[in-house]
Amino acid sequence: MDVKKFIAEHKLTSFPIGLGGCRNSEVKDDSCDYDVFVFDGKSGQEILKFENEFVIIHHASLSETQSKKLLQYDKLQIIQDESWELRMFLSKINEKRTLLYSDFAKNSLIESLFCCQKTKESIKSSDVFGPCWQKCAAFYLADAISSLNHQRISPSHMLDLLRRLEKNQTNEHISIVTQTVGIERATPPLLERMLKSTIGFSDLVEKNNHSQIIQQKYDFFVNTSMLTDCYFYLGWINKENFIKIKDNLNREQDLIHILKVAFDVEADMNLVEQQANSIEKSCNSILGIL
């Protein structure tokens, strides 16, 4: 795809712009979209189709301070930057990238511990969302381990990258992720059901064209027999959307019907609690190392 042509046709020539994501990395495949970061001081995303490719426009700010967002700009390929503001901004990120990865990892571990606590509280109070919190806890642990290995968060490639990591005190906890996420249950019929619910949940929460990208990723995974990677990807996407509505769950009780399938939740609450305890133990262990 001609990125500069895309910028011109969408009248984005007034802002500093960079290309990030998978298309600007060594880890990419035919299902990957183009992540175009437009530093216009706004927030949010737009998902468009251009030259038969999906493009996500990430509206961004040069005064951003959150480590999660700053790491999205790590090693960004500058497309246009007449004022050199973006170049200077990226230089500052590069100077503190190790600290940013560490900060994001710690935040992810804290979020995972929060989700573990919510899991156990939900089980005690018979709250139907308990298994959903447990799934989120596992994915946050995966985020933390990826970040501690200075890997950009990329849900479609994360499981494969985690498998390749060298063995050390932190990375040994990858086994807890794989044991508690549920990837061993991945089969074509299950993934098809998960896809439909994941797309439905995305449309309800995000209200954009992200569901088309989810479908494209699913098609790629299934056609290349990467079933466990597909399971992990769908679950991670659901985690992100679940967290967006976490404060309104008491008003969204009906969502459990779609989330049971989207997350492929475990029905055995004793096992769910055991998994939450295992994740909690791993998080505390890694925090102790840090």
Protein backbone atom coordinates (compact mmCIF):
# COMPACT_ATOMS: atom_id res chain seq x y z
CA MET A 1 0.00 0.00 0.00
CA ASP A 2 1.18 3.52 -0.83
CA VAL A 3 1.08 5.21 2.59
CA LYS A 4 1.87 8.67 1.24
CA LYS A 5 -0.97 8.39 -1.27
CA PHE A 6 -3.30 7.37 1.57
CA ILE A 7 -2.22 10.43 3.59
CA ALA A 8 -2.79 12.78 0.67
CA GLU A 9 -6.21 11.37 -0.25
CA HIS A 10 -7.41 11.60 3.36
CA LYS A 11 -6.14 15.16 3.78
CA LEU A 12 -3.69 14.37 6.58
CA THR A 13 -0.72 16.29 5.19
CA SER A 14 -0.82 18.96 7.93
CA PHE A 15 0.32 16.67 10.73
CA PRO A 16 3.40 14.66 11.75
CA ILE A 17 2.72 11.05 10.74
CA GLY A 18 4.43 7.73 11.36
CA LEU A 19 3.90 4.11 10.38
CA GLY A 20 3.96 1.61 13.23
CA GLY A 21 2.53 -1.78 14.09
CA CYS A 22 3.30 -5.04 12.32
CA ARG A 23 3.92 -3.46 8.92
CA ASN A 24 6.88 -1.64 10.43
CA SER A 25 8.37 -4.72 12.08
CA GLU A 26 10.04 -7.99 11.22
CA VAL A 27 6.98 -9.85 12.49
CA LYS A 28 4.20 -9.52 9.95
CA ASP A 29 2.00 -11.56 7.65
CA ASP A 30 -0.60 -11.00 4.96
CA SER A 31 -3.37 -10.48 7.53
CA CYS A 32 -1.67 -7.51 9.19
CA ASP A 33 -3.21 -4.06 8.83
CA TYR A 34 -1.41 -0.73 8.43
CA ASP A 35 -1.12 1.30 11.64
CA VAL A 36 -0.85 4.98 10.72
CA PHE A 37 -0.20 7.32 13.66
CA VAL A 38 -1.41 10.88 13.07
CA PHE A 39 -0.13 13.32 15.68
CA ASP A 40 -3.03 15.77 15.53
CA GLY A 41 -3.53 16.10 19.29
CA LYS A 42 -6.72 14.02 19.18
CA SER A 43 -7.49 10.54 20.49
CA GLY A 44 -9.28 7.48 19.17
CA GLN A 45 -9.06 5.30 16.09
CA GLU A 46 -10.55 5.12 12.64
CA ILE A 47 -10.52 1.93 10.58
CA LEU A 48 -10.63 2.33 6.81
CA LYS A 49 -10.01 0.27 3.68
CA PHE A 50 -7.53 1.57 1.11
CA GLU A 51 -6.09 -0.25 -1.90
CA ASN A 52 -7.71 -3.43 -0.58
CA GLU A 53 -5.84 -3.12 2.75
CA PHE A 54 -7.13 -2.25 6.21
CA VAL A 55 -5.70 0.93 7.70
CA ILE A 56 -6.07 1.95 11.34
CA ILE A 57 -5.63 5.67 11.85
CA HIS A 58 -4.42 6.19 15.42
CA HIS A 59 -4.99 9.80 16.47
CA ALA A 60 -2.15 10.70 18.83
CA SER A 61 -0.53 13.50 20.80
CA LEU A 62 3.09 14.61 21.04
CA SER A 63 2.47 15.31 24.73
CA GLU A 64 1.45 11.70 25.52
CA THR A 65 2.77 10.33 28.85
CA GLN A 66 1.18 6.86 29.22
CA SER A 67 3.77 4.11 28.76
CA LYS A 68 1.28 1.83 26.98
CA LYS A 69 0.71 4.41 24.24
CA LEU A 70 4.32 5.62 24.09
CA LEU A 71 5.48 2.06 23.40
CA GLN A 72 3.23 1.99 20.34
CA TYR A 73 5.49 4.71 18.94
CA ASP A 74 8.71 2.83 19.67
CA LYS A 75 10.72 2.55 16.43
CA LEU A 76 7.97 4.34 14.51
CA GLN A 77 8.83 4.93 10.84
CA ILE A 78 8.47 8.66 10.17
CA ILE A 79 6.39 9.36 7.06
CA GLN A 80 6.12 13.13 7.35
CA ASP A 81 7.52 15.52 9.94
CA GLU A 82 8.35 18.94 8.50
CA SER A 83 8.74 20.54 11.94
CA TRP A 84 10.96 17.71 13.30
CA GLU A 85 8.69 17.58 16.36
CA LEU A 86 7.96 13.89 15.84
CA ARG A 87 11.64 13.11 15.36
CA MET A 88 12.49 14.77 18.69
CA PHE A 89 9.55 13.07 20.41
CA LEU A 90 10.68 9.63 19.21
CA SER A 91 14.23 10.37 20.28
CA LYS A 92 13.00 10.98 23.86
CA ILE A 93 11.02 7.73 23.78
CA ASN A 94 14.09 5.84 22.61
CA GLU A 95 16.14 7.26 25.48
CA LYS A 96 13.74 5.88 28.08
CA ARG A 97 12.37 2.83 26.23
CA THR A 98 13.72 0.37 28.84
CA LEU A 99 11.97 2.28 31.62
CA LEU A 100 8.77 2.45 29.56
CA TYR A 101 8.72 -1.30 28.96
CA SER A 102 9.32 -1.89 32.67
CA ASP A 103 6.57 0.56 33.65
CA PHE A 104 4.06 -1.01 31.28
CA ALA A 105 4.98 -4.49 32.56
CA LYS A 106 4.41 -3.41 36.17
CA ASN A 107 1.07 -1.82 35.26
CA SER A 108 0.03 -5.03 33.47
CA LEU A 109 0.97 -7.15 36.49
CA ILE A 110 -1.05 -4.86 38.78
CA GLU A 111 -4.02 -5.10 36.38
CA SER A 112 -3.65 -8.88 36.36
CA LEU A 113 -3.67 -9.00 40.17
CA PHE A 114 -6.77 -6.78 40.18
CA CYS A 115 -8.49 -9.18 37.78
CA CYS A 116 -7.51 -12.16 39.96
CA GLN A 117 -9.10 -10.46 42.95
CA LYS A 118 -12.24 -9.67 40.94
CA THR A 119 -12.38 -13.32 39.87
CA LYS A 120 -12.37 -14.58 43.44
CA GLU A 121 -14.82 -11.93 44.63
CA SER A 122 -17.17 -12.80 41.76
CA ILE A 123 -17.07 -16.50 42.60
CA LYS A 124 -17.92 -15.78 46.26
CA SER A 125 -20.83 -13.52 45.28
CA SER A 126 -21.98 -15.78 42.42
CA ASP A 127 -21.31 -12.99 39.93
CA VAL A 128 -21.51 -14.49 36.43
CA PHE A 129 -18.49 -12.51 35.18
CA GLY A 130 -15.94 -14.31 37.38
CA PRO A 131 -14.48 -16.50 34.58
CA CYS A 132 -14.21 -13.43 32.31
CA TRP A 133 -12.05 -11.68 34.93
CA GLN A 134 -9.85 -14.79 35.13
CA LYS A 135 -9.28 -14.73 31.36
CA CYS A 136 -8.33 -11.03 31.54
CA ALA A 137 -5.86 -11.80 34.33
CA ALA A 138 -4.11 -14.38 32.13
CA PHE A 139 -3.84 -12.01 29.17
CA TYR A 140 -2.49 -9.19 31.35
CA LEU A 141 0.20 -11.59 32.59
CA ALA A 142 1.06 -12.30 28.94
CA ASP A 143 1.29 -8.55 28.27
CA ALA A 144 3.67 -8.14 31.20
CA ILE A 145 5.99 -10.94 30.10
CA SER A 146 6.05 -9.61 26.52
CA SER A 147 6.87 -6.12 27.74
CA LEU A 148 9.68 -7.34 30.02
CA ASN A 149 11.20 -8.89 26.89
CA HIS A 150 10.88 -5.53 25.09
CA GLN A 151 8.29 -6.89 22.68
CA ARG A 152 5.70 -4.56 21.21
CA ILE A 153 2.21 -5.76 22.14
CA SER A 154 0.84 -7.47 19.05
CA PRO A 155 -2.02 -9.86 19.91
CA SER A 156 -1.92 -11.80 16.64
CA HIS A 157 1.80 -12.59 17.03
CA MET A 158 2.13 -12.62 20.82
CA LEU A 159 1.65 -16.33 21.48
CA ASP A 160 4.21 -17.26 18.83
CA LEU A 161 6.71 -14.73 20.20
CA LEU A 162 6.19 -15.94 23.76
CA ARG A 163 6.95 -19.50 22.65
CA ARG A 164 10.31 -18.40 21.26
CA LEU A 165 11.59 -16.55 24.32
CA GLU A 166 14.70 -17.78 26.08
CA LYS A 167 14.23 -19.44 29.44
CA ASN A 168 14.75 -17.31 32.53
CA GLN A 169 13.04 -16.52 35.84
CA THR A 170 10.45 -14.28 34.22
CA ASN A 171 9.75 -16.29 31.09
CA GLU A 172 9.13 -19.53 32.97
CA HIS A 173 5.74 -18.03 33.85
CA ILE A 174 4.67 -18.28 30.19
CA SER A 175 3.53 -21.80 31.09
CA ILE A 176 1.01 -20.29 33.52
CA VAL A 177 -0.38 -18.16 30.70
CA THR A 178 -0.76 -21.12 28.34
CA GLN A 179 -2.28 -23.26 31.11
CA THR A 180 -4.89 -20.68 32.15
CA VAL A 181 -5.89 -19.04 28.85
CA GLY A 182 -7.50 -22.17 27.43
CA ILE A 183 -5.64 -22.58 24.12
CA GLU A 184 -5.66 -26.38 24.47
CA ARG A 185 -9.38 -26.31 23.66
CA ALA A 186 -8.90 -24.64 20.27
CA THR A 187 -10.79 -26.50 17.53
CA PRO A 188 -12.28 -25.19 14.25
CA PRO A 189 -15.94 -25.44 15.43
CA LEU A 190 -15.14 -23.69 18.73
CA LEU A 191 -13.12 -20.95 17.03
CA GLU A 192 -15.98 -20.28 14.61
CA ARG A 193 -18.37 -19.78 17.54
CA MET A 194 -15.83 -17.61 19.37
CA LEU A 195 -15.36 -15.49 16.23
CA LYS A 196 -19.06 -14.70 15.89
CA SER A 197 -19.33 -13.65 19.54
CA THR A 198 -16.05 -11.72 19.45
CA ILE A 199 -17.25 -9.78 16.41
CA GLY A 200 -20.60 -9.13 18.08
CA PHE A 201 -18.91 -7.92 21.27
CA SER A 202 -16.54 -5.70 19.29
CA ASP A 203 -19.44 -4.12 17.40
CA LEU A 204 -21.26 -3.46 20.68
CA VAL A 205 -18.29 -1.88 22.46
CA GLU A 206 -16.05 -0.37 19.77
CA LYS A 207 -18.70 0.55 17.19
CA ASN A 208 -16.21 0.72 14.32
CA ASN A 209 -14.93 -1.58 11.58
CA HIS A 210 -12.60 -3.54 13.84
CA SER A 211 -14.78 -6.61 13.35
CA GLN A 212 -13.66 -6.74 9.70
CA ILE A 213 -10.02 -6.93 10.80
CA ILE A 214 -10.92 -9.62 13.35
CA GLN A 215 -12.55 -11.63 10.56
CA GLN A 216 -9.47 -11.22 8.34
CA LYS A 217 -7.16 -12.38 11.15
CA TYR A 218 -9.41 -15.36 11.87
CA ASP A 219 -9.43 -16.39 8.20
CA PHE A 220 -5.62 -16.23 8.08
CA PHE A 221 -5.17 -18.26 11.26
CA VAL A 222 -7.64 -20.97 10.27
CA ASN A 223 -6.31 -21.23 6.71
CA THR A 224 -2.77 -21.66 8.04
CA SER A 225 -3.86 -24.09 10.79
CA MET A 226 -2.71 -21.73 13.57
CA LEU A 227 -5.62 -22.65 15.81
CA THR A 228 -4.07 -21.91 19.20
CA ASP A 229 -2.79 -18.54 17.95
CA CYS A 230 -6.33 -17.74 16.74
CA TYR A 231 -7.78 -18.68 20.14
CA PHE A 232 -5.24 -16.46 21.91
CA TYR A 233 -5.86 -13.55 19.53
CA LEU A 234 -9.65 -13.64 19.93
CA GLY A 235 -9.36 -13.86 23.71
CA TRP A 236 -6.94 -10.93 23.87
CA ILE A 237 -9.28 -8.75 21.79
CA ASN A 238 -12.15 -9.64 24.12
CA LYS A 239 -9.99 -8.72 27.12
CA GLU A 240 -9.41 -5.23 25.74
CA ASN A 241 -13.12 -4.67 25.11
CA PHE A 242 -14.21 -6.24 28.41
CA ILE A 243 -11.96 -3.84 30.33
CA LYS A 244 -13.55 -0.90 28.52
CA ILE A 245 -16.94 -1.73 30.07
CA LYS A 246 -15.73 -3.14 33.42
CA ASP A 247 -17.28 -0.28 35.41
CA ASN A 248 -20.72 -0.86 33.89
CA LEU A 249 -21.01 -4.63 34.24
CA ASN A 250 -23.84 -4.35 36.77
CA ARG A 251 -25.90 -2.73 34.01
CA GLU A 252 -24.74 -5.15 31.31
CA GLN A 253 -25.69 -8.53 32.80
CA ASP A 254 -27.07 -9.79 29.49
CA LEU A 255 -23.59 -9.53 27.95
CA ILE A 256 -22.58 -12.71 29.77
CA HIS A 257 -24.35 -14.72 27.07
CA ILE A 258 -22.08 -13.39 24.34
CA LEU A 259 -18.99 -13.34 26.59
CA LYS A 260 -19.34 -16.99 27.62
CA VAL A 261 -18.75 -17.94 24.01
CA ALA A 262 -16.38 -15.11 23.06
CA PHE A 263 -14.03 -15.91 25.98
CA ASP A 264 -14.79 -19.66 25.95
CA VAL A 265 -15.15 -19.45 29.72
CA GLU A 266 -14.57 -22.37 32.08
CA ALA A 267 -17.73 -23.67 33.79
CA ASP A 268 -15.95 -25.24 36.78
CA MET A 269 -15.65 -22.43 39.34
CA ASN A 270 -13.19 -24.40 41.46
CA LEU A 271 -10.86 -24.62 38.46
CA VAL A 272 -11.38 -20.92 37.67
CA GLU A 273 -10.34 -20.03 41.23
CA GLN A 274 -7.31 -22.32 41.03
CA GLN A 275 -6.27 -20.63 37.79
CA ALA A 276 -6.67 -17.18 39.34
CA ASN A 277 -4.48 -18.27 42.25
CA SER A 278 -1.80 -19.55 39.85
CA ILE A 279 -1.80 -16.29 37.90
CA GLU A 280 -1.68 -14.28 41.13
CA LYS A 281 1.33 -16.30 42.32
CA SER A 282 3.13 -15.67 39.01
CA CYS A 283 2.43 -11.93 39.10
CA ASN A 284 3.77 -11.61 42.63
CA SER A 285 6.81 -13.70 41.73
CA ILE A 286 7.66 -11.45 38.76
CA LEU A 287 7.05 -8.30 40.79
CA GLY A 288 9.50 -9.71 43.33
CA ILE A 289 12.12 -10.06 40.60
CA LEU A 290 11.52 -6.47 39.45
